[in-house]
């Protein structure tokens, strides 16, 4: 069994209202020097395979079909053993 770590985040230039709101809230709470806050989603997916190439290929397909919108998202995949 392997675990696949998929991080999905917004492409550069796409507005991030969640990150903007968190940055505003942190500033209101007195935190100084925050240059930016960016939101992302993290998925940890356990797969029955032991083959890391198969796991990566399955994760790519998951991203294309469900986890990420290619118009606004980028993603990274890491296969953990």
PDB file of N, CA and C in Angstrom:
ATOM      1  N   UNK A   1       0.847  -1.181   0.000  1.00  0.00           N
ATOM      2  CA  UNK A   1       0.000   0.000   0.000  1.00  0.00           C
ATOM      3  C   UNK A   1       0.892   1.243   0.000  1.00  0.00           C
ATOM      4  N   UNK A   2       0.521   2.208  -0.797  1.00  0.00           N
ATOM      5  CA  UNK A   2       1.234   3.493  -0.808  1.00  0.00           C
ATOM      6  C   UNK A   2       0.238   4.611  -0.541  1.00  0.00           C
ATOM      7  N   UNK A   3       0.777   5.702  -0.061  1.00  0.00           N
ATOM      8  CA  UNK A   3      -0.031   6.896   0.156  1.00  0.00           C
ATOM      9  C   UNK A   3       0.400   7.940  -0.869  1.00  0.00           C
ATOM     10  N   UNK A   4      -0.597   8.534  -1.491  1.00  0.00           N
ATOM     11  CA  UNK A   4      -0.349   9.605  -2.449  1.00  0.00           C
ATOM     12  C   UNK A   4      -0.765  10.912  -1.801  1.00  0.00           C
ATOM     13  N   UNK A   5       0.125  11.888  -1.882  1.00  0.00           N
ATOM     14  CA  UNK A   5      -0.129  13.221  -1.329  1.00  0.00           C
ATOM     15  C   UNK A   5      -0.364  14.165  -2.509  1.00  0.00           C
ATOM     16  N   UNK A   6      -1.582  14.693  -2.599  1.00  0.00           N
ATOM     17  CA  UNK A   6      -1.945  15.598  -3.694  1.00  0.00           C
ATOM     18  C   UNK A   6      -2.250  16.967  -3.099  1.00  0.00           C
ATOM     19  N   UNK A   7      -1.521  17.973  -3.544  1.00  0.00           N
ATOM     20  CA  UNK A   7      -1.780  19.355  -3.117  1.00  0.00           C
ATOM     21  C   UNK A   7      -2.311  20.130  -4.315  1.00  0.00           C
ATOM     22  N   UNK A   8      -3.488  20.732  -4.127  1.00  0.00           N
ATOM     23  CA  UNK A   8      -4.141  21.489  -5.187  1.00  0.00           C
ATOM     24  C   UNK A   8      -4.186  22.953  -4.753  1.00  0.00           C
ATOM     25  N   UNK A   9      -3.670  23.833  -5.610  1.00  0.00           N
ATOM     26  CA  UNK A   9      -3.692  25.262  -5.291  1.00  0.00           C
ATOM     27  C   UNK A   9      -4.064  26.059  -6.543  1.00  0.00           C
ATOM     28  N   UNK A  10      -4.434  27.298  -6.308  1.00  0.00           N
ATOM     29  CA  UNK A  10      -4.851  28.157  -7.412  1.00  0.00           C
ATOM     30  C   UNK A  10      -3.655  28.575  -8.267  1.00  0.00           C
ATOM     31  N   UNK A  11      -3.885  28.694  -9.546  1.00  0.00           N
ATOM     32  CA  UNK A  11      -2.841  29.167 -10.458  1.00  0.00           C
ATOM     33  C   UNK A  11      -2.496  30.618 -10.140  1.00  0.00           C
ATOM     34  N   UNK A  12      -1.293  31.004 -10.487  1.00  0.00           N
ATOM     35  CA  UNK A  12      -0.874  32.389 -10.318  1.00  0.00           C
ATOM     36  C   UNK A  12      -1.788  33.286 -11.144  1.00  0.00           C
ATOM     37  N   UNK A  13      -2.268  34.354 -10.535  1.00  0.00           N
ATOM     38  CA  UNK A  13      -3.156  35.282 -11.220  1.00  0.00           C
ATOM     39  C   UNK A  13      -4.632  35.045 -10.941  1.00  0.00           C
ATOM     40  N   UNK A  14      -4.978  33.896 -10.366  1.00  0.00           N
ATOM     41  CA  UNK A  14      -6.365  33.618 -10.007  1.00  0.00           C
ATOM     42  C   UNK A  14      -6.598  34.164  -8.605  1.00  0.00           C
ATOM     43  N   UNK A  15      -7.669  34.920  -8.434  1.00  0.00           N
ATOM     44  CA  UNK A  15      -7.934  35.507  -7.122  1.00  0.00           C
ATOM     45  C   UNK A  15      -8.207  34.424  -6.089  1.00  0.00           C
ATOM     46  N   UNK A  16      -7.744  34.681  -4.871  1.00  0.00           N
ATOM     47  CA  UNK A  16      -7.873  33.731  -3.769  1.00  0.00           C
ATOM     48  C   UNK A  16      -8.600  34.419  -2.621  1.00  0.00           C
ATOM     49  N   UNK A  17      -9.939  34.487  -2.688  1.00  0.00           N
ATOM     50  CA  UNK A  17     -10.680  35.195  -1.643  1.00  0.00           C
ATOM     51  C   UNK A  17     -10.494  34.587  -0.254  1.00  0.00           C
ATOM     52  N   UNK A  18     -10.341  33.285  -0.176  1.00  0.00           N
ATOM     53  CA  UNK A  18     -10.137  32.658   1.135  1.00  0.00           C
ATOM     54  C   UNK A  18      -8.796  33.098   1.732  1.00  0.00           C
ATOM     55  N   UNK A  19      -7.763  33.070   0.935  1.00  0.00           N
ATOM     56  CA  UNK A  19      -6.460  33.532   1.407  1.00  0.00           C
ATOM     57  C   UNK A  19      -6.477  35.005   1.782  1.00  0.00           C
ATOM     58  N   UNK A  20      -7.160  35.824   0.981  1.00  0.00           N
ATOM     59  CA  UNK A  20      -7.264  37.260   1.273  1.00  0.00           C
ATOM     60  C   UNK A  20      -7.983  37.505   2.598  1.00  0.00           C
ATOM     61  N   UNK A  21      -9.060  36.770   2.837  1.00  0.00           N
ATOM     62  CA  UNK A  21      -9.808  36.936   4.091  1.00  0.00           C
ATOM     63  C   UNK A  21      -8.990  36.514   5.297  1.00  0.00           C
ATOM     64  N   UNK A  22      -8.241  35.437   5.164  1.00  0.00           N
ATOM     65  CA  UNK A  22      -7.384  35.006   6.270  1.00  0.00           C
ATOM     66  C   UNK A  22      -6.308  36.043   6.540  1.00  0.00           C
ATOM     67  N   UNK A  23      -5.731  36.591   5.485  1.00  0.00           N
ATOM     68  CA  UNK A  23      -4.705  37.629   5.670  1.00  0.00           C
ATOM     69  C   UNK A  23      -5.285  38.844   6.394  1.00  0.00           C
ATOM     70  N   UNK A  24      -6.475  39.277   6.006  1.00  0.00           N
ATOM     71  CA  UNK A  24      -7.121  40.409   6.683  1.00  0.00           C
ATOM     72  C   UNK A  24      -7.377  40.099   8.145  1.00  0.00           C
ATOM     73  N   UNK A  25      -7.876  38.894   8.422  1.00  0.00           N
ATOM     74  CA  UNK A  25      -8.161  38.512   9.806  1.00  0.00           C
ATOM     75  C   UNK A  25      -6.880  38.466  10.638  1.00  0.00           C
ATOM     76  N   UNK A  26      -5.811  37.938  10.088  1.00  0.00           N
ATOM     77  CA  UNK A  26      -4.543  37.889  10.818  1.00  0.00           C
ATOM     78  C   UNK A  26      -4.023  39.288  11.119  1.00  0.00           C
ATOM     79  N   UNK A  27      -4.176  40.190  10.154  1.00  0.00           N
ATOM     80  CA  UNK A  27      -3.767  41.576  10.367  1.00  0.00           C
ATOM     81  C   UNK A  27      -4.595  42.214  11.475  1.00  0.00           C
ATOM     82  N   UNK A  28      -5.903  41.964  11.463  1.00  0.00           N
ATOM     83  CA  UNK A  28      -6.771  42.501  12.517  1.00  0.00           C
ATOM     84  C   UNK A  28      -6.421  41.927  13.892  1.00  0.00           C
ATOM     85  N   UNK A  29      -5.895  40.732  13.910  1.00  0.00           N
ATOM     86  CA  UNK A  29      -5.489  40.111  15.173  1.00  0.00           C
ATOM     87  C   UNK A  29      -4.117  40.595  15.649  1.00  0.00           C
ATOM     88  N   UNK A  30      -3.493  41.461  14.862  1.00  0.00           N
ATOM     89  CA  UNK A  30      -2.249  42.067  15.289  1.00  0.00           C
ATOM     90  C   UNK A  30      -0.992  41.447  14.722  1.00  0.00           C
ATOM     91  N   UNK A  31      -1.114  40.481  13.827  1.00  0.00           N
ATOM     92  CA  UNK A  31       0.076  39.890  13.218  1.00  0.00           C
ATOM     93  C   UNK A  31       0.625  40.848  12.168  1.00  0.00           C
ATOM     94  N   UNK A  32       1.916  41.088  12.222  1.00  0.00           N
ATOM     95  CA  UNK A  32       2.562  42.065  11.324  1.00  0.00           C
ATOM     96  C   UNK A  32       3.422  41.361  10.284  1.00  0.00           C
ATOM     97  N   UNK A  33       3.651  42.037   9.192  1.00  0.00           N
ATOM     98  CA  UNK A  33       4.598  41.565   8.189  1.00  0.00           C
ATOM     99  C   UNK A  33       4.109  40.407   7.335  1.00  0.00           C
ATOM    100  N   UNK A  34       2.823  40.219   7.208  1.00  0.00           N
ATOM    101  CA  UNK A  34       2.304  39.139   6.370  1.00  0.00           C
ATOM    102  C   UNK A  34       2.272  39.622   4.924  1.00  0.00           C
ATOM    103  N   UNK A  35       3.059  38.984   4.090  1.00  0.00           N
ATOM    104  CA  UNK A  35       3.142  39.376   2.691  1.00  0.00           C
ATOM    105  C   UNK A  35       2.057  38.767   1.826  1.00  0.00           C
ATOM    106  N   UNK A  36       1.422  37.726   2.304  1.00  0.00           N
ATOM    107  CA  UNK A  36       0.355  37.078   1.546  1.00  0.00           C
ATOM    108  C   UNK A  36      -0.030  35.770   2.191  1.00  0.00           C
ATOM    109  N   UNK A  37      -1.265  35.382   1.974  1.00  0.00           N
ATOM    110  CA  UNK A  37      -1.773  34.089   2.438  1.00  0.00           C
ATOM    111  C   UNK A  37      -2.427  33.426   1.232  1.00  0.00           C
ATOM    112  N   UNK A  38      -2.102  32.163   1.016  1.00  0.00           N
ATOM    113  CA  UNK A  38      -2.627  31.437  -0.133  1.00  0.00           C
ATOM    114  C   UNK A  38      -3.266  30.140   0.350  1.00  0.00           C
ATOM    115  N   UNK A  39      -4.463  29.871  -0.108  1.00  0.00           N
ATOM    116  CA  UNK A  39      -5.156  28.649   0.304  1.00  0.00           C
ATOM    117  C   UNK A  39      -4.804  27.511  -0.649  1.00  0.00           C
ATOM    118  N   UNK A  40      -4.894  26.297  -0.117  1.00  0.00           N
ATOM    119  CA  UNK A  40      -4.651  25.090  -0.904  1.00  0.00           C
ATOM    120  C   UNK A  40      -5.439  23.950  -0.271  1.00  0.00           C
ATOM    121  N   UNK A  41      -5.657  22.910  -1.040  1.00  0.00           N
ATOM    122  CA  UNK A  41      -6.301  21.705  -0.516  1.00  0.00           C
ATOM    123  C   UNK A  41      -5.275  20.581  -0.535  1.00  0.00           C
ATOM    124  N   UNK A  42      -5.306  19.764   0.505  1.00  0.00           N
ATOM    125  CA  UNK A  42      -4.409  18.623   0.597  1.00  0.00           C
ATOM    126  C   UNK A  42      -5.243  17.349   0.669  1.00  0.00           C
ATOM    127  N   UNK A  43      -4.921  16.401  -0.197  1.00  0.00           N
ATOM    128  CA  UNK A  43      -5.580  15.102  -0.197  1.00  0.00           C
ATOM    129  C   UNK A  43      -4.528  14.040   0.066  1.00  0.00           C
ATOM    130  N   UNK A  44      -4.771  13.182   1.056  1.00  0.00           N
ATOM    131  CA  UNK A  44      -3.926  12.025   1.333  1.00  0.00           C
ATOM    132  C   UNK A  44      -4.726  10.797   0.938  1.00  0.00           C
ATOM    133  N   UNK A  45      -4.270  10.109  -0.087  1.00  0.00           N
ATOM    134  CA  UNK A  45      -5.034   9.003  -0.661  1.00  0.00           C
ATOM    135  C   UNK A  45      -4.229   7.715  -0.523  1.00  0.00           C
ATOM    136  N   UNK A  46      -4.796   6.747   0.159  1.00  0.00           N
ATOM    137  CA  UNK A  46      -4.156   5.443   0.314  1.00  0.00           C
ATOM    138  C   UNK A  46      -4.598   4.540  -0.828  1.00  0.00           C
ATOM    139  N   UNK A  47      -3.631   3.988  -1.552  1.00  0.00           N
ATOM    140  CA  UNK A  47      -3.915   3.112  -2.679  1.00  0.00           C
ATOM    141  C   UNK A  47      -3.395   1.709  -2.391  1.00  0.00           C
ATOM    142  N   UNK A  48      -4.090   0.706  -2.883  1.00  0.00           N
ATOM    143  CA  UNK A  48      -3.745  -0.688  -2.603  1.00  0.00           C
ATOM    144  C   UNK A  48      -2.472  -1.137  -3.319  1.00  0.00           C
ATOM    145  N   UNK A  49      -2.066  -0.445  -4.346  1.00  0.00           N
ATOM    146  CA  UNK A  49      -0.893  -0.842  -5.109  1.00  0.00           C
ATOM    147  C   UNK A  49       0.403  -0.575  -4.339  1.00  0.00           C
ATOM    148  N   UNK A  50       1.447  -1.299  -4.696  1.00  0.00           N
ATOM    149  CA  UNK A  50       2.779  -1.039  -4.144  1.00  0.00           C
ATOM    150  C   UNK A  50       3.677  -0.383  -5.195  1.00  0.00           C
ATOM    151  N   UNK A  51       3.193  -0.320  -6.412  1.00  0.00           N
ATOM    152  CA  UNK A  51       3.954   0.241  -7.529  1.00  0.00           C
ATOM    153  C   UNK A  51       3.782   1.758  -7.558  1.00  0.00           C
ATOM    154  N   UNK A  52       4.865   2.485  -7.341  1.00  0.00           N
ATOM    155  CA  UNK A  52       4.775   3.954  -7.272  1.00  0.00           C
ATOM    156  C   UNK A  52       4.395   4.576  -8.612  1.00  0.00           C
ATOM    157  N   UNK A  53       4.804   3.951  -9.712  1.00  0.00           N
ATOM    158  CA  UNK A  53       4.431   4.488 -11.029  1.00  0.00           C
ATOM    159  C   UNK A  53       2.926   4.366 -11.261  1.00  0.00           C
ATOM    160  N   UNK A  54       2.366   3.249 -10.870  1.00  0.00           N
ATOM    161  CA  UNK A  54       0.916   3.050 -10.995  1.00  0.00           C
ATOM    162  C   UNK A  54       0.176   4.039 -10.098  1.00  0.00           C
ATOM    163  N   UNK A  55       0.674   4.228  -8.880  1.00  0.00           N
ATOM    164  CA  UNK A  55       0.043   5.147  -7.938  1.00  0.00           C
ATOM    165  C   UNK A  55       0.051   6.571  -8.489  1.00  0.00           C
ATOM    166  N   UNK A  56       1.180   6.999  -9.034  1.00  0.00           N
ATOM    167  CA  UNK A  56       1.274   8.350  -9.609  1.00  0.00           C
ATOM    168  C   UNK A  56       0.313   8.507 -10.789  1.00  0.00           C
ATOM    169  N   UNK A  57       0.242   7.487 -11.636  1.00  0.00           N
ATOM    170  CA  UNK A  57      -0.655   7.544 -12.790  1.00  0.00           C
ATOM    171  C   UNK A  57      -2.114   7.639 -12.337  1.00  0.00           C
ATOM    172  N   UNK A  58      -2.489   6.862 -11.325  1.00  0.00           N
ATOM    173  CA  UNK A  58      -3.855   6.928 -10.804  1.00  0.00           C
ATOM    174  C   UNK A  58      -4.146   8.303 -10.202  1.00  0.00           C
ATOM    175  N   UNK A  59      -3.181   8.857  -9.477  1.00  0.00           N
ATOM    176  CA  UNK A  59      -3.370  10.178  -8.877  1.00  0.00           C
ATOM    177  C   UNK A  59      -3.524  11.252  -9.948  1.00  0.00           C
ATOM    178  N   UNK A  60      -2.747  11.150 -11.017  1.00  0.00           N
ATOM    179  CA  UNK A  60      -2.883  12.096 -12.138  1.00  0.00           C
ATOM    180  C   UNK A  60      -4.302  12.046 -12.697  1.00  0.00           C
ATOM    181  N   UNK A  61      -4.807  10.843 -12.879  1.00  0.00           N
ATOM    182  CA  UNK A  61      -6.163  10.683 -13.413  1.00  0.00           C
ATOM    183  C   UNK A  61      -7.201  11.246 -12.448  1.00  0.00           C
ATOM    184  N   UNK A  62      -7.008  11.024 -11.149  1.00  0.00           N
ATOM    185  CA  UNK A  62      -7.919  11.581 -10.139  1.00  0.00           C
ATOM    186  C   UNK A  62      -7.939  13.107 -10.214  1.00  0.00           C
ATOM    187  N   UNK A  63      -6.771  13.699 -10.385  1.00  0.00           N
ATOM    188  CA  UNK A  63      -6.695  15.161 -10.482  1.00  0.00           C
ATOM    189  C   UNK A  63      -7.408  15.655 -11.732  1.00  0.00           C
ATOM    190  N   UNK A  64      -7.167  14.987 -12.841  1.00  0.00           N
ATOM    191  CA  UNK A  64      -7.807  15.406 -14.094  1.00  0.00           C
ATOM    192  C   UNK A  64      -9.322  15.268 -14.051  1.00  0.00           C
ATOM    193  N   UNK A  65      -9.807  14.215 -13.386  1.00  0.00           N
ATOM    194  CA  UNK A  65     -11.247  13.938 -13.418  1.00  0.00           C
ATOM    195  C   UNK A  65     -12.033  14.558 -12.278  1.00  0.00           C
ATOM    196  N   UNK A  66     -11.388  14.854 -11.131  1.00  0.00           N
ATOM    197  CA  UNK A  66     -12.168  15.324  -9.989  1.00  0.00           C
ATOM    198  C   UNK A  66     -11.479  16.367  -9.123  1.00  0.00           C
ATOM    199  N   UNK A  67     -10.261  16.128  -8.728  1.00  0.00           N
ATOM    200  CA  UNK A  67      -9.646  16.922  -7.663  1.00  0.00           C
ATOM    201  C   UNK A  67      -9.252  18.341  -8.063  1.00  0.00           C
ATOM    202  N   UNK A  68      -8.957  18.564  -9.342  1.00  0.00           N
ATOM    203  CA  UNK A  68      -8.485  19.881  -9.781  1.00  0.00           C
ATOM    204  C   UNK A  68      -9.211  20.321 -11.043  1.00  0.00           C
ATOM    205  N   UNK A  69      -9.478  21.610 -11.106  1.00  0.00           N
ATOM    206  CA  UNK A  69     -10.033  22.218 -12.312  1.00  0.00           C
ATOM    207  C   UNK A  69      -8.842  22.793 -13.082  1.00  0.00           C
ATOM    208  N   UNK A  70      -8.518  22.263 -14.265  1.00  0.00           N
ATOM    209  CA  UNK A  70      -7.317  22.698 -14.977  1.00  0.00           C
ATOM    210  C   UNK A  70      -7.319  24.168 -15.377  1.00  0.00           C
ATOM    211  N   UNK A  71      -8.470  24.799 -15.381  1.00  0.00           N
ATOM    212  CA  UNK A  71      -8.543  26.216 -15.747  1.00  0.00           C
ATOM    213  C   UNK A  71      -7.982  27.097 -14.626  1.00  0.00           C
ATOM    214  N   UNK A  72      -8.251  26.727 -13.376  1.00  0.00           N
ATOM    215  CA  UNK A  72      -7.850  27.593 -12.262  1.00  0.00           C
ATOM    216  C   UNK A  72      -6.863  26.952 -11.280  1.00  0.00           C
ATOM    217  N   UNK A  73      -6.653  25.638 -11.374  1.00  0.00           N
ATOM    218  CA  UNK A  73      -5.812  24.959 -10.388  1.00  0.00           C
ATOM    219  C   UNK A  73      -4.524  24.396 -10.983  1.00  0.00           C
ATOM    220  N   UNK A  74      -3.531  24.305 -10.129  1.00  0.00           N
ATOM    221  CA  UNK A  74      -2.330  23.521 -10.381  1.00  0.00           C
ATOM    222  C   UNK A  74      -2.251  22.514  -9.250  1.00  0.00           C
ATOM    223  N   UNK A  75      -1.536  21.441  -9.461  1.00  0.00           N
ATOM    224  CA  UNK A  75      -1.421  20.439  -8.398  1.00  0.00           C
ATOM    225  C   UNK A  75      -0.041  19.801  -8.425  1.00  0.00           C
ATOM    226  N   UNK A  76       0.321  19.256  -7.271  1.00  0.00           N
ATOM    227  CA  UNK A  76       1.550  18.499  -7.175  1.00  0.00           C
ATOM    228  C   UNK A  76       1.218  17.157  -6.535  1.00  0.00           C
ATOM    229  N   UNK A  77       1.963  16.146  -6.947  1.00  0.00           N
ATOM    230  CA  UNK A  77       1.732  14.790  -6.465  1.00  0.00           C
ATOM    231  C   UNK A  77       3.038  14.241  -5.905  1.00  0.00           C
ATOM    232  N   UNK A  78       2.946  13.670  -4.714  1.00  0.00           N
ATOM    233  CA  UNK A  78       4.084  12.981  -4.107  1.00  0.00           C
ATOM    234  C   UNK A  78       3.603  11.610  -3.658  1.00  0.00           C
ATOM    235  N   UNK A  79       4.362  10.584  -4.001  1.00  0.00           N
ATOM    236  CA  UNK A  79       4.018   9.226  -3.601  1.00  0.00           C
ATOM    237  C   UNK A  79       4.880   8.853  -2.404  1.00  0.00           C
ATOM    238  N   UNK A  80       4.219   8.495  -1.314  1.00  0.00           N
ATOM    239  CA  UNK A  80       4.909   8.113  -0.088  1.00  0.00           C
ATOM    240  C   UNK A  80       4.768   6.602   0.100  1.00  0.00           C
ATOM    241  N   UNK A  81       5.764   6.001   0.687  1.00  0.00           N
ATOM    242  CA  UNK A  81       5.662   4.551   0.955  1.00  0.00           C
ATOM    243  C   UNK A  81       5.329   4.308   2.395  1.00  0.00           C
TER     244      UNK A  81
END
